[in-house]
């Protein structure tokens, strides 16, 4: 059963209907540089409470979890 999350307008524009976004888009959503996100992920295995999925050499970040992070509900 799908989970529906209300996205902030800026995040909805960035995601454009996708379930996952690339690192530069994640950075734009949370106000961090992509390189900072990659460094934190490399050092800890998570970046700001989110764990991406890896496809090839790309990190894909879940939009629903970004929305939760922005609203303060992330663990």
PDB file of N, CA and C in Angstrom:
ATOM      1  N   UNK A   1       0.841  -1.171   0.000  1.00  0.00           N
ATOM      2  CA  UNK A   1       0.000   0.000   0.000  1.00  0.00           C
ATOM      3  C   UNK A   1       0.889   1.238   0.000  1.00  0.00           C
ATOM      4  N   UNK A   2       0.671   2.173  -0.927  1.00  0.00           N
ATOM      5  CA  UNK A   2       1.538   3.347  -1.009  1.00  0.00           C
ATOM      6  C   UNK A   2       1.328   4.284   0.170  1.00  0.00           C
ATOM      7  N   UNK A   3       2.407   4.951   0.532  1.00  0.00           N
ATOM      8  CA  UNK A   3       2.365   5.942   1.600  1.00  0.00           C
ATOM      9  C   UNK A   3       2.368   7.314   0.944  1.00  0.00           C
ATOM     10  N   UNK A   4       1.414   8.148   1.323  1.00  0.00           N
ATOM     11  CA  UNK A   4       1.322   9.489   0.750  1.00  0.00           C
ATOM     12  C   UNK A   4       1.852  10.503   1.752  1.00  0.00           C
ATOM     13  N   UNK A   5       2.733  11.356   1.269  1.00  0.00           N
ATOM     14  CA  UNK A   5       3.369  12.363   2.109  1.00  0.00           C
ATOM     15  C   UNK A   5       3.124  13.718   1.462  1.00  0.00           C
ATOM     16  N   UNK A   6       2.782  14.701   2.264  1.00  0.00           N
ATOM     17  CA  UNK A   6       2.627  16.055   1.754  1.00  0.00           C
ATOM     18  C   UNK A   6       4.016  16.673   1.640  1.00  0.00           C
ATOM     19  N   UNK A   7       4.357  17.069   0.428  1.00  0.00           N
ATOM     20  CA  UNK A   7       5.677  17.641   0.182  1.00  0.00           C
ATOM     21  C   UNK A   7       5.617  19.156   0.273  1.00  0.00           C
ATOM     22  N   UNK A   8       6.641  19.762   0.848  1.00  0.00           N
ATOM     23  CA  UNK A   8       6.738  21.221   0.778  1.00  0.00           C
ATOM     24  C   UNK A   8       6.811  21.637  -0.694  1.00  0.00           C
ATOM     25  N   UNK A   9       6.257  22.782  -1.062  1.00  0.00           N
ATOM     26  CA  UNK A   9       6.232  23.178  -2.477  1.00  0.00           C
ATOM     27  C   UNK A   9       7.606  23.176  -3.150  1.00  0.00           C
ATOM     28  N   UNK A  10       8.634  23.641  -2.452  1.00  0.00           N
ATOM     29  CA  UNK A  10       9.972  23.668  -3.059  1.00  0.00           C
ATOM     30  C   UNK A  10      10.483  22.258  -3.336  1.00  0.00           C
ATOM     31  N   UNK A  11      10.241  21.342  -2.418  1.00  0.00           N
ATOM     32  CA  UNK A  11      10.676  19.957  -2.617  1.00  0.00           C
ATOM     33  C   UNK A  11       9.870  19.296  -3.723  1.00  0.00           C
ATOM     34  N   UNK A  12       8.583  19.587  -3.794  1.00  0.00           N
ATOM     35  CA  UNK A  12       7.746  19.026  -4.860  1.00  0.00           C
ATOM     36  C   UNK A  12       8.248  19.480  -6.225  1.00  0.00           C
ATOM     37  N   UNK A  13       8.694  20.724  -6.310  1.00  0.00           N
ATOM     38  CA  UNK A  13       9.236  21.236  -7.569  1.00  0.00           C
ATOM     39  C   UNK A  13      10.543  20.531  -7.926  1.00  0.00           C
ATOM     40  N   UNK A  14      11.390  20.321  -6.943  1.00  0.00           N
ATOM     41  CA  UNK A  14      12.669  19.639  -7.178  1.00  0.00           C
ATOM     42  C   UNK A  14      12.431  18.193  -7.586  1.00  0.00           C
ATOM     43  N   UNK A  15      11.536  17.504  -6.888  1.00  0.00           N
ATOM     44  CA  UNK A  15      11.307  16.080  -7.140  1.00  0.00           C
ATOM     45  C   UNK A  15      10.569  15.835  -8.448  1.00  0.00           C
ATOM     46  N   UNK A  16       9.686  16.725  -8.827  1.00  0.00           N
ATOM     47  CA  UNK A  16       8.935  16.614 -10.086  1.00  0.00           C
ATOM     48  C   UNK A  16       8.271  15.246 -10.245  1.00  0.00           C
ATOM     49  N   UNK A  17       7.662  14.753  -9.164  1.00  0.00           N
ATOM     50  CA  UNK A  17       6.929  13.501  -9.238  1.00  0.00           C
ATOM     51  C   UNK A  17       7.756  12.241  -9.053  1.00  0.00           C
ATOM     52  N   UNK A  18       9.046  12.380  -8.838  1.00  0.00           N
ATOM     53  CA  UNK A  18       9.908  11.211  -8.653  1.00  0.00           C
ATOM     54  C   UNK A  18       9.938  10.788  -7.192  1.00  0.00           C
ATOM     55  N   UNK A  19      10.278   9.520  -6.948  1.00  0.00           N
ATOM     56  CA  UNK A  19      10.382   9.000  -5.581  1.00  0.00           C
ATOM     57  C   UNK A  19      11.755   9.253  -4.970  1.00  0.00           C
ATOM     58  N   UNK A  20      12.776   9.419  -5.801  1.00  0.00           N
ATOM     59  CA  UNK A  20      14.147   9.641  -5.333  1.00  0.00           C
ATOM     60  C   UNK A  20      14.758  10.782  -6.138  1.00  0.00           C
ATOM     61  N   UNK A  21      15.682  11.507  -5.499  1.00  0.00           N
ATOM     62  CA  UNK A  21      16.385  12.597  -6.171  1.00  0.00           C
ATOM     63  C   UNK A  21      17.889  12.369  -6.061  1.00  0.00           C
ATOM     64  N   UNK A  22      18.627  13.017  -6.942  1.00  0.00           N
ATOM     65  CA  UNK A  22      20.079  12.921  -6.932  1.00  0.00           C
ATOM     66  C   UNK A  22      20.668  13.795  -5.823  1.00  0.00           C
ATOM     67  N   UNK A  23      21.935  13.606  -5.543  1.00  0.00           N
ATOM     68  CA  UNK A  23      22.606  14.328  -4.465  1.00  0.00           C
ATOM     69  C   UNK A  23      22.543  15.846  -4.621  1.00  0.00           C
ATOM     70  N   UNK A  24      22.779  16.419  -5.805  1.00  0.00           N
ATOM     71  CA  UNK A  24      22.667  17.883  -5.912  1.00  0.00           C
ATOM     72  C   UNK A  24      21.254  18.395  -5.598  1.00  0.00           C
ATOM     73  N   UNK A  25      20.246  17.625  -5.966  1.00  0.00           N
ATOM     74  CA  UNK A  25      18.868  18.020  -5.678  1.00  0.00           C
ATOM     75  C   UNK A  25      18.568  17.909  -4.178  1.00  0.00           C
ATOM     76  N   UNK A  26      19.085  16.864  -3.547  1.00  0.00           N
ATOM     77  CA  UNK A  26      18.947  16.714  -2.092  1.00  0.00           C
ATOM     78  C   UNK A  26      19.609  17.896  -1.398  1.00  0.00           C
ATOM     79  N   UNK A  27      20.798  18.260  -1.853  1.00  0.00           N
ATOM     80  CA  UNK A  27      21.510  19.391  -1.272  1.00  0.00           C
ATOM     81  C   UNK A  27      20.742  20.691  -1.410  1.00  0.00           C
ATOM     82  N   UNK A  28      20.151  20.904  -2.573  1.00  0.00           N
ATOM     83  CA  UNK A  28      19.370  22.119  -2.780  1.00  0.00           C
ATOM     84  C   UNK A  28      18.162  22.146  -1.839  1.00  0.00           C
ATOM     85  N   UNK A  29      17.555  20.984  -1.611  1.00  0.00           N
ATOM     86  CA  UNK A  29      16.370  20.911  -0.744  1.00  0.00           C
ATOM     87  C   UNK A  29      16.695  21.228   0.711  1.00  0.00           C
ATOM     88  N   UNK A  30      17.876  20.795   1.180  1.00  0.00           N
ATOM     89  CA  UNK A  30      18.206  21.000   2.594  1.00  0.00           C
ATOM     90  C   UNK A  30      19.221  22.116   2.827  1.00  0.00           C
ATOM     91  N   UNK A  31      19.677  22.752   1.754  1.00  0.00           N
ATOM     92  CA  UNK A  31      20.586  23.884   1.904  1.00  0.00           C
ATOM     93  C   UNK A  31      22.025  23.502   2.192  1.00  0.00           C
ATOM     94  N   UNK A  32      22.461  22.368   1.687  1.00  0.00           N
ATOM     95  CA  UNK A  32      23.855  21.920   1.845  1.00  0.00           C
ATOM     96  C   UNK A  32      24.446  21.683   0.463  1.00  0.00           C
ATOM     97  N   UNK A  33      25.773  21.765   0.373  1.00  0.00           N
ATOM     98  CA  UNK A  33      26.407  21.503  -0.915  1.00  0.00           C
ATOM     99  C   UNK A  33      26.449  19.991  -1.158  1.00  0.00           C
ATOM    100  N   UNK A  34      26.386  19.590  -2.424  1.00  0.00           N
ATOM    101  CA  UNK A  34      26.458  18.160  -2.734  1.00  0.00           C
ATOM    102  C   UNK A  34      27.731  17.505  -2.196  1.00  0.00           C
ATOM    103  N   UNK A  35      28.850  18.218  -2.237  1.00  0.00           N
ATOM    104  CA  UNK A  35      30.106  17.647  -1.753  1.00  0.00           C
ATOM    105  C   UNK A  35      30.059  17.412  -0.250  1.00  0.00           C
ATOM    106  N   UNK A  36      29.409  18.295   0.494  1.00  0.00           N
ATOM    107  CA  UNK A  36      29.256  18.104   1.931  1.00  0.00           C
ATOM    108  C   UNK A  36      28.422  16.865   2.216  1.00  0.00           C
ATOM    109  N   UNK A  37      27.356  16.685   1.463  1.00  0.00           N
ATOM    110  CA  UNK A  37      26.499  15.518   1.640  1.00  0.00           C
ATOM    111  C   UNK A  37      27.284  14.240   1.344  1.00  0.00           C
ATOM    112  N   UNK A  38      28.050  14.241   0.251  1.00  0.00           N
ATOM    113  CA  UNK A  38      28.846  13.055  -0.096  1.00  0.00           C
ATOM    114  C   UNK A  38      29.871  12.751   0.991  1.00  0.00           C
ATOM    115  N   UNK A  39      30.526  13.791   1.518  1.00  0.00           N
ATOM    116  CA  UNK A  39      31.539  13.583   2.554  1.00  0.00           C
ATOM    117  C   UNK A  39      30.919  12.999   3.819  1.00  0.00           C
ATOM    118  N   UNK A  40      29.803  13.564   4.269  1.00  0.00           N
ATOM    119  CA  UNK A  40      29.135  13.058   5.470  1.00  0.00           C
ATOM    120  C   UNK A  40      28.689  11.622   5.247  1.00  0.00           C
ATOM    121  N   UNK A  41      28.142  11.327   4.078  1.00  0.00           N
ATOM    122  CA  UNK A  41      27.711   9.965   3.767  1.00  0.00           C
ATOM    123  C   UNK A  41      28.901   9.001   3.758  1.00  0.00           C
ATOM    124  N   UNK A  42      30.001   9.425   3.176  1.00  0.00           N
ATOM    125  CA  UNK A  42      31.197   8.579   3.100  1.00  0.00           C
ATOM    126  C   UNK A  42      31.737   8.267   4.493  1.00  0.00           C
ATOM    127  N   UNK A  43      31.704   9.237   5.380  1.00  0.00           N
ATOM    128  CA  UNK A  43      32.249   9.058   6.726  1.00  0.00           C
ATOM    129  C   UNK A  43      31.334   8.260   7.655  1.00  0.00           C
ATOM    130  N   UNK A  44      30.005   8.377   7.472  1.00  0.00           N
ATOM    131  CA  UNK A  44      29.077   7.799   8.445  1.00  0.00           C
ATOM    132  C   UNK A  44      28.111   6.763   7.883  1.00  0.00           C
ATOM    133  N   UNK A  45      27.925   6.734   6.565  1.00  0.00           N
ATOM    134  CA  UNK A  45      26.955   5.808   5.971  1.00  0.00           C
ATOM    135  C   UNK A  45      25.558   6.384   5.883  1.00  0.00           C
ATOM    136  N   UNK A  46      25.344   7.553   6.461  1.00  0.00           N
ATOM    137  CA  UNK A  46      24.087   8.294   6.347  1.00  0.00           C
ATOM    138  C   UNK A  46      24.443   9.762   6.182  1.00  0.00           C
ATOM    139  N   UNK A  47      23.505  10.548   5.682  1.00  0.00           N
ATOM    140  CA  UNK A  47      23.732  11.985   5.579  1.00  0.00           C
ATOM    141  C   UNK A  47      22.493  12.701   6.069  1.00  0.00           C
ATOM    142  N   UNK A  48      22.629  13.324   7.223  1.00  0.00           N
ATOM    143  CA  UNK A  48      21.548  14.086   7.840  1.00  0.00           C
ATOM    144  C   UNK A  48      20.320  13.206   8.092  1.00  0.00           C
ATOM    145  N   UNK A  49      20.592  11.988   8.532  1.00  0.00           N
ATOM    146  CA  UNK A  49      19.526  11.070   8.910  1.00  0.00           C
ATOM    147  C   UNK A  49      18.967  10.217   7.787  1.00  0.00           C
ATOM    148  N   UNK A  50      19.438  10.384   6.577  1.00  0.00           N
ATOM    149  CA  UNK A  50      18.919   9.620   5.442  1.00  0.00           C
ATOM    150  C   UNK A  50      19.988   8.691   4.892  1.00  0.00           C
ATOM    151  N   UNK A  51      19.546   7.515   4.483  1.00  0.00           N
ATOM    152  CA  UNK A  51      20.421   6.546   3.837  1.00  0.00           C
ATOM    153  C   UNK A  51      19.958   6.412   2.387  1.00  0.00           C
ATOM    154  N   UNK A  52      20.845   6.692   1.434  1.00  0.00           N
ATOM    155  CA  UNK A  52      20.448   6.618   0.021  1.00  0.00           C
ATOM    156  C   UNK A  52      20.480   5.187  -0.505  1.00  0.00           C
ATOM    157  N   UNK A  53      19.909   5.018  -1.677  1.00  0.00           N
ATOM    158  CA  UNK A  53      20.140   3.776  -2.408  1.00  0.00           C
ATOM    159  C   UNK A  53      21.193   4.100  -3.457  1.00  0.00           C
ATOM    160  N   UNK A  54      22.005   3.113  -3.792  1.00  0.00           N
ATOM    161  CA  UNK A  54      23.069   3.323  -4.764  1.00  0.00           C
ATOM    162  C   UNK A  54      22.724   2.573  -6.036  1.00  0.00           C
ATOM    163  N   UNK A  55      22.763   3.284  -7.142  1.00  0.00           N
ATOM    164  CA  UNK A  55      22.587   2.680  -8.457  1.00  0.00           C
ATOM    165  C   UNK A  55      23.776   3.135  -9.284  1.00  0.00           C
ATOM    166  N   UNK A  56      24.618   2.182  -9.641  1.00  0.00           N
ATOM    167  CA  UNK A  56      25.848   2.529 -10.337  1.00  0.00           C
ATOM    168  C   UNK A  56      26.702   3.399  -9.436  1.00  0.00           C
ATOM    169  N   UNK A  57      27.088   4.544  -9.949  1.00  0.00           N
ATOM    170  CA  UNK A  57      27.905   5.458  -9.137  1.00  0.00           C
ATOM    171  C   UNK A  57      27.081   6.641  -8.621  1.00  0.00           C
ATOM    172  N   UNK A  58      25.759   6.476  -8.575  1.00  0.00           N
ATOM    173  CA  UNK A  58      24.882   7.553  -8.123  1.00  0.00           C
ATOM    174  C   UNK A  58      24.203   7.208  -6.808  1.00  0.00           C
ATOM    175  N   UNK A  59      24.028   8.219  -5.993  1.00  0.00           N
ATOM    176  CA  UNK A  59      23.273   8.080  -4.753  1.00  0.00           C
ATOM    177  C   UNK A  59      21.895   8.685  -4.992  1.00  0.00           C
ATOM    178  N   UNK A  60      20.861   7.927  -4.694  1.00  0.00           N
ATOM    179  CA  UNK A  60      19.493   8.408  -4.854  1.00  0.00           C
ATOM    180  C   UNK A  60      18.852   8.516  -3.475  1.00  0.00           C
ATOM    181  N   UNK A  61      18.327   9.689  -3.163  1.00  0.00           N
ATOM    182  CA  UNK A  61      17.793  10.006  -1.844  1.00  0.00           C
ATOM    183  C   UNK A  61      16.276   9.988  -1.892  1.00  0.00           C
ATOM    184  N   UNK A  62      15.617   9.314  -0.934  1.00  0.00           N
ATOM    185  CA  UNK A  62      14.159   9.192  -0.946  1.00  0.00           C
ATOM    186  C   UNK A  62      13.454  10.515  -0.615  1.00  0.00           C
ATOM    187  N   UNK A  63      12.563  10.925  -1.498  1.00  0.00           N
ATOM    188  CA  UNK A  63      11.858  12.195  -1.356  1.00  0.00           C
ATOM    189  C   UNK A  63      10.975  12.202  -0.107  1.00  0.00           C
ATOM    190  N   UNK A  64      10.303  11.105   0.194  1.00  0.00           N
ATOM    191  CA  UNK A  64       9.429  11.056   1.369  1.00  0.00           C
ATOM    192  C   UNK A  64      10.226  11.284   2.655  1.00  0.00           C
ATOM    193  N   UNK A  65      11.422  10.735   2.725  1.00  0.00           N
ATOM    194  CA  UNK A  65      12.251  10.927   3.915  1.00  0.00           C
ATOM    195  C   UNK A  65      12.813  12.347   3.983  1.00  0.00           C
ATOM    196  N   UNK A  66      13.081  12.954   2.834  1.00  0.00           N
ATOM    197  CA  UNK A  66      13.526  14.352   2.820  1.00  0.00           C
ATOM    198  C   UNK A  66      12.401  15.239   3.357  1.00  0.00           C
ATOM    199  N   UNK A  67      11.171  14.953   2.920  1.00  0.00           N
ATOM    200  CA  UNK A  67      10.019  15.728   3.413  1.00  0.00           C
ATOM    201  C   UNK A  67       9.883  15.578   4.925  1.00  0.00           C
ATOM    202  N   UNK A  68      10.073  14.371   5.434  1.00  0.00           N
ATOM    203  CA  UNK A  68      10.002  14.146   6.879  1.00  0.00           C
ATOM    204  C   UNK A  68      11.119  14.906   7.593  1.00  0.00           C
ATOM    205  N   UNK A  69      12.325  14.903   7.015  1.00  0.00           N
ATOM    206  CA  UNK A  69      13.448  15.631   7.596  1.00  0.00           C
ATOM    207  C   UNK A  69      13.143  17.132   7.658  1.00  0.00           C
ATOM    208  N   UNK A  70      12.598  17.667   6.588  1.00  0.00           N
ATOM    209  CA  UNK A  70      12.297  19.091   6.546  1.00  0.00           C
ATOM    210  C   UNK A  70      11.175  19.491   7.494  1.00  0.00           C
ATOM    211  N   UNK A  71      10.277  18.555   7.772  1.00  0.00           N
ATOM    212  CA  UNK A  71       9.171  18.876   8.678  1.00  0.00           C
ATOM    213  C   UNK A  71       9.508  18.540  10.132  1.00  0.00           C
ATOM    214  N   UNK A  72      10.702  17.967  10.353  1.00  0.00           N
ATOM    215  CA  UNK A  72      11.133  17.662  11.706  1.00  0.00           C
ATOM    216  C   UNK A  72      10.710  16.299  12.214  1.00  0.00           C
ATOM    217  N   UNK A  73      10.183  15.443  11.350  1.00  0.00           N
ATOM    218  CA  UNK A  73       9.719  14.125  11.767  1.00  0.00           C
ATOM    219  C   UNK A  73      10.762  13.043  11.566  1.00  0.00           C
ATOM    220  N   UNK A  74      11.902  13.360  10.998  1.00  0.00           N
ATOM    221  CA  UNK A  74      12.918  12.322  10.730  1.00  0.00           C
ATOM    222  C   UNK A  74      13.544  11.844  12.028  1.00  0.00           C
ATOM    223  N   UNK A  75      13.942  10.574  12.025  1.00  0.00           N
ATOM    224  CA  UNK A  75      14.571  10.007  13.222  1.00  0.00           C
ATOM    225  C   UNK A  75      16.053  10.272  13.255  1.00  0.00           C
TER     226      UNK A  75
END
